[in-house]
Protein backbone atom coordinates (compact mmCIF):
# COMPACT_ATOMS: atom_id res chain seq x y z
CA MET A 1 -0.08 0.07 -0.13
CA LEU A 2 2.54 2.35 1.21
CA VAL A 3 6.31 1.52 -0.13
CA LEU A 4 9.51 3.73 0.52
CA GLN A 5 12.32 2.71 -2.02
CA SER A 6 15.99 3.71 -1.30
CA VAL A 7 14.69 6.95 0.46
CA GLN A 8 17.31 9.78 1.46
CA THR A 9 16.40 12.83 2.84
CA SER A 10 18.79 15.58 4.39
CA TYR A 11 18.69 18.81 6.45
CA GLY A 12 21.45 20.94 4.56
CA PRO A 13 24.59 18.92 4.64
CA ILE A 14 23.31 16.25 7.09
CA LYS A 15 21.95 13.26 5.80
CA ALA A 16 19.04 12.23 8.17
CA LEU A 17 18.02 9.07 6.00
CA LYS A 18 20.37 6.70 4.13
CA GLY A 19 18.70 5.10 1.70
CA ILE A 20 15.80 3.31 3.56
CA ASP A 21 13.30 0.76 2.37
CA MET A 22 9.69 0.02 3.98
CA GLU A 23 6.33 -1.01 3.30
CA VAL A 24 2.97 -0.70 5.03
CA ARG A 25 0.63 -3.06 3.85
CA LYS A 26 -3.16 -2.34 3.76
CA GLY A 27 -4.72 -3.24 7.37
CA GLU A 28 -1.47 -3.62 8.96
CA ILE A 29 0.21 -1.77 12.17
CA VAL A 30 3.77 -1.08 11.60
CA CYS A 31 6.20 -0.10 14.01
CA LEU A 32 9.52 2.44 13.33
CA LEU A 33 11.97 1.58 16.33
CA GLY A 34 15.01 3.67 16.96
CA SER A 35 16.85 5.92 19.48
CA ASN A 36 16.48 9.52 19.41
CA GLY A 37 18.00 11.29 16.24
CA ALA A 38 17.92 8.17 14.39
CA GLY A 39 15.53 9.45 11.66
CA LYS A 40 12.25 7.97 12.65
CA THR A 41 10.56 11.78 12.66
CA THR A 42 11.98 12.64 9.88
CA THR A 43 10.58 9.37 8.03
CA LEU A 44 6.80 10.52 8.76
CA MET A 45 7.90 13.95 7.90
CA THR A 46 9.04 12.65 4.42
CA ILE A 47 5.99 10.63 3.60
CA SER A 48 3.81 13.32 4.66
CA GLY A 49 5.38 15.76 2.56
CA ILE A 50 6.95 18.11 5.09
CA LEU A 51 10.15 17.31 4.06
CA HIS A 52 11.10 15.83 0.28
CA PRO A 53 13.34 13.61 -0.19
CA ASP A 54 17.03 13.82 -1.95
CA ALA A 55 16.77 10.26 -3.33
CA GLY A 56 14.84 7.59 -3.73
CA ALA A 57 11.01 6.80 -4.47
CA ILE A 58 7.79 6.78 -2.01
CA THR A 59 4.91 5.31 -3.59
CA PHE A 60 1.30 5.07 -2.28
CA GLU A 61 -1.14 2.68 -3.64
CA GLY A 62 0.81 2.28 -6.74
CA GLU A 63 1.44 6.36 -7.24
CA SER A 64 4.12 8.54 -6.70
CA LEU A 65 4.29 10.69 -3.39
CA THR A 66 7.91 11.97 -3.97
CA THR A 67 6.83 15.44 -4.92
CA LEU A 68 3.49 16.44 -3.94
CA SER A 69 2.37 18.80 -1.49
CA ALA A 70 1.64 17.50 2.35
CA ASP A 71 -2.20 18.73 1.82
CA SER A 72 -1.88 16.81 -1.56
CA ILE A 73 -1.14 14.17 0.29
CA VAL A 74 -3.50 14.56 2.80
CA ARG A 75 -6.36 14.47 0.42
CA LYS A 76 -4.51 11.04 -1.69
CA GLY A 77 -5.41 9.38 2.37
CA ILE A 78 -1.98 9.81 4.58
CA CYS A 79 -2.49 11.80 7.75
CA GLN A 80 -0.38 12.53 10.18
CA VAL A 81 -0.57 12.57 13.92
CA PRO A 82 2.15 14.61 15.37
CA GLU A 83 4.52 13.69 18.17
CA GLY A 84 3.36 16.49 20.88
CA ARG A 85 -0.38 16.45 19.60
CA ARG A 86 -0.16 20.12 18.16
CA ILE A 87 -3.99 20.65 18.49
CA PHE A 88 -5.02 24.07 18.39
CA GLN A 89 -4.85 25.27 21.86
CA LYS A 90 -7.48 28.13 21.51
CA LEU A 91 -10.20 26.54 19.22
CA THR A 92 -12.63 24.33 20.83
CA ILE A 93 -12.35 20.55 20.69
CA ARG A 94 -15.01 20.64 17.68
CA GLY A 95 -13.19 23.48 15.58
CA ASN A 96 -10.43 21.26 15.74
CA LEU A 97 -12.25 18.52 14.27
CA GLU A 98 -13.18 20.96 11.63
CA MET A 99 -9.46 21.81 10.65
CA GLY A 100 -9.00 18.11 10.23
CA ALA A 101 -11.73 18.26 7.74
CA PHE A 102 -10.32 20.84 5.25
CA SER A 103 -9.70 18.22 2.55
CA ASP A 104 -13.29 17.32 2.52
CA PRO A 105 -15.81 19.62 4.30
CA THR A 106 -18.54 18.15 2.51
CA SER A 107 -18.66 14.83 4.75
CA PHE A 108 -18.10 16.42 7.92
CA GLY A 109 -21.20 15.28 9.83
CA GLY A 110 -20.43 11.68 9.07
CA ASN A 111 -16.97 11.98 9.61
CA LEU A 112 -17.62 13.50 13.28
CA GLU A 113 -20.25 10.86 13.96
CA THR A 114 -17.31 8.33 13.41
CA VAL A 115 -15.09 10.20 15.41
CA TYR A 116 -17.55 10.77 18.19
CA ALA A 117 -18.32 7.40 18.39
CA LEU A 118 -14.51 6.51 19.01
CA PHE A 119 -14.06 8.93 21.47
CA PRO A 120 -17.41 9.79 23.48
CA ILE A 121 -15.62 12.31 25.60
CA LEU A 122 -14.96 14.75 22.89
CA ARG A 123 -18.53 14.80 21.96
CA GLU A 124 -19.26 15.38 25.92
CA ARG A 125 -16.85 18.35 25.59
CA ALA A 126 -17.11 19.40 22.20
CA ASP A 127 -17.29 23.11 23.05
CA GLN A 128 -14.56 23.02 25.51
CA MET A 129 -11.32 24.87 24.30
CA GLY A 130 -8.53 22.39 23.41
CA GLY A 131 -5.72 24.18 25.36
CA THR A 132 -7.81 23.24 28.64
CA LEU A 133 -8.08 19.29 27.70
CA SER A 134 -5.53 16.96 29.63
CA GLY A 135 -2.72 15.53 28.27
CA GLY A 136 -4.47 11.98 27.03
CA GLU A 137 -7.23 13.70 26.38
CA GLN A 138 -5.28 15.93 23.65
CA GLN A 139 -3.86 12.81 22.32
CA MET A 140 -7.65 11.91 21.54
CA LEU A 141 -8.16 14.91 19.56
CA ALA A 142 -5.24 14.92 17.81
CA MET A 143 -5.92 11.05 16.50
CA GLY A 144 -9.83 12.42 15.85
CA ARG A 145 -8.64 15.24 14.03
CA ALA A 146 -6.38 12.90 11.79
CA LEU A 147 -9.61 10.71 11.21
CA MET A 148 -11.85 13.81 9.86
CA ALA A 149 -9.72 13.40 7.03
CA ARG A 150 -10.61 9.82 6.11
CA PRO A 151 -7.37 8.51 5.72
CA LYS A 152 -6.26 5.25 4.92
CA VAL A 153 -2.72 5.14 6.47
CA ILE A 154 -2.15 6.93 10.09
CA LEU A 155 1.50 7.95 10.81
CA MET A 156 1.66 8.57 14.57
CA ASP A 157 4.31 9.93 16.15
CA GLU A 158 5.12 9.11 19.67
CA PRO A 159 1.24 8.70 21.05
CA SER A 160 2.01 7.41 24.33
CA MET A 161 4.32 10.84 25.34
CA GLY A 162 3.79 12.12 28.80
CA LEU A 163 0.61 10.19 29.47
CA SER A 164 -0.07 8.34 32.61
CA PRO A 165 0.29 4.59 32.33
CA ILE A 166 -3.86 4.10 32.52
CA MET A 167 -3.99 6.21 29.51
CA VAL A 168 -1.09 4.51 27.49
CA GLN A 169 -3.42 1.55 27.70
CA GLU A 170 -6.22 3.33 26.11
CA ILE A 171 -4.04 4.85 23.49
CA ALA A 172 -3.45 1.37 23.11
CA LYS A 173 -7.16 -0.14 22.56
CA ILE A 174 -7.64 3.06 20.08
CA ILE A 175 -4.65 1.84 17.85
CA ARG A 176 -5.80 -2.03 17.85
CA SER A 177 -9.29 -0.39 16.72
CA PHE A 178 -8.13 1.65 13.75
CA LYS A 179 -6.84 -1.62 12.60
CA GLU A 180 -10.07 -3.22 12.92
CA LEU A 181 -11.70 -0.51 11.47
CA GLY A 182 -9.44 -0.99 8.27
CA PHE A 183 -7.08 1.59 8.64
CA SER A 184 -3.34 1.04 8.13
CA VAL A 185 -0.84 2.36 11.15
CA LEU A 186 2.57 3.42 10.78
CA LEU A 187 3.78 4.15 14.39
CA ILE A 188 6.58 5.39 16.28
CA GLU A 189 6.89 4.98 20.12
CA GLN A 190 9.54 5.27 22.62
CA ASN A 191 7.96 2.20 24.90
CA ALA A 192 9.11 -0.28 22.10
CA VAL A 193 7.37 -3.20 24.56
CA LEU A 194 4.30 -1.35 23.82
CA ALA A 195 4.79 -0.83 19.86
CA LEU A 196 5.72 -4.37 19.26
CA HIS A 197 2.75 -5.97 20.95
CA LEU A 198 0.50 -3.86 18.83
CA ALA A 199 2.49 -4.18 15.42
CA ASP A 200 2.69 -6.65 12.86
CA GLN A 201 5.50 -5.48 11.22
CA ALA A 202 8.65 -3.64 12.72
CA TYR A 203 11.20 -2.03 11.80
CA VAL A 204 14.39 -0.67 13.49
CA LEU A 205 16.03 2.38 12.41
CA GLU A 206 19.91 3.74 13.30
CA THR A 207 21.69 6.44 12.04
CA GLY A 208 19.32 6.77 9.01
CA SER A 209 19.23 3.18 7.92
CA ILE A 210 17.17 0.25 8.49
CA ALA A 211 19.47 -1.69 10.67
CA LEU A 212 17.01 -4.94 11.22
CA GLN A 213 12.86 -6.06 9.64
CA GLY A 214 10.53 -8.59 10.49
CA GLN A 215 7.46 -9.49 12.26
CA ALA A 216 7.03 -7.71 15.34
CA ARG A 217 7.00 -11.15 17.52
CA ASP A 218 10.34 -11.93 16.25
CA LEU A 219 12.12 -9.02 16.60
CA LEU A 220 10.56 -9.18 20.67
CA ALA A 221 12.78 -12.07 20.89
CA ASN A 222 15.55 -10.64 18.98
CA GLU A 223 18.43 -10.52 21.41
CA HIS A 224 20.12 -6.74 19.90
CA VAL A 225 16.44 -5.54 19.89
CA LYS A 226 16.24 -6.42 23.90
CA LYS A 227 19.40 -4.84 24.43
CA ALA A 228 19.20 -2.03 22.78
CA TYR A 229 15.11 -1.48 23.06
CA LEU A 230 13.54 -3.44 25.98
CA GLY A 231 15.76 -3.28 28.94
CA GLY A 232 17.93 -6.26 28.50
């Protein structure tokens, strides 16, 4: 469904991605593991069109995304839930969700009901300002905002960051429900145990290159992954 081939991305003279190959199949959760600075967020930003690759190809359902703008990529069916949530603090919950529907405002009502069914608390607090929500509620809002674009693939960057253990488990349930609803997910998550238990496939990114890849359950048993990302 989503395929990266030999993708290289730079920040000026610094090459952040050094020719990575990756794919996300329909209905799969794929996790991308790696330490800080390995290139994980750069990968998502390159897929979503915020950054453009220096070389290589990105295709989605057989169509090239390599030179498309970020808003065009959203319209194709790829939407990102950014690290730190990045909600609009001074807009209401409903206002944030309206911003997520910019690519197809005609379907706003139906999409809104889908989001409210997944996140009942957003319906209950629709007129509350986004900046007054807890961290977990803001994460739900960020996820709901992405769903308003009716994506086929959801890119998620550190969804558990700064959340309580109980809320982390709630977010994990929601990510699993995305798969059940037919969405594909590319997940970046520092909590490697959580990510590998959620995912079908996994990649390990080290200094801009794919070091390991395979089924998530196999990587859970991999000695290098255990030592580097699972605490021994």
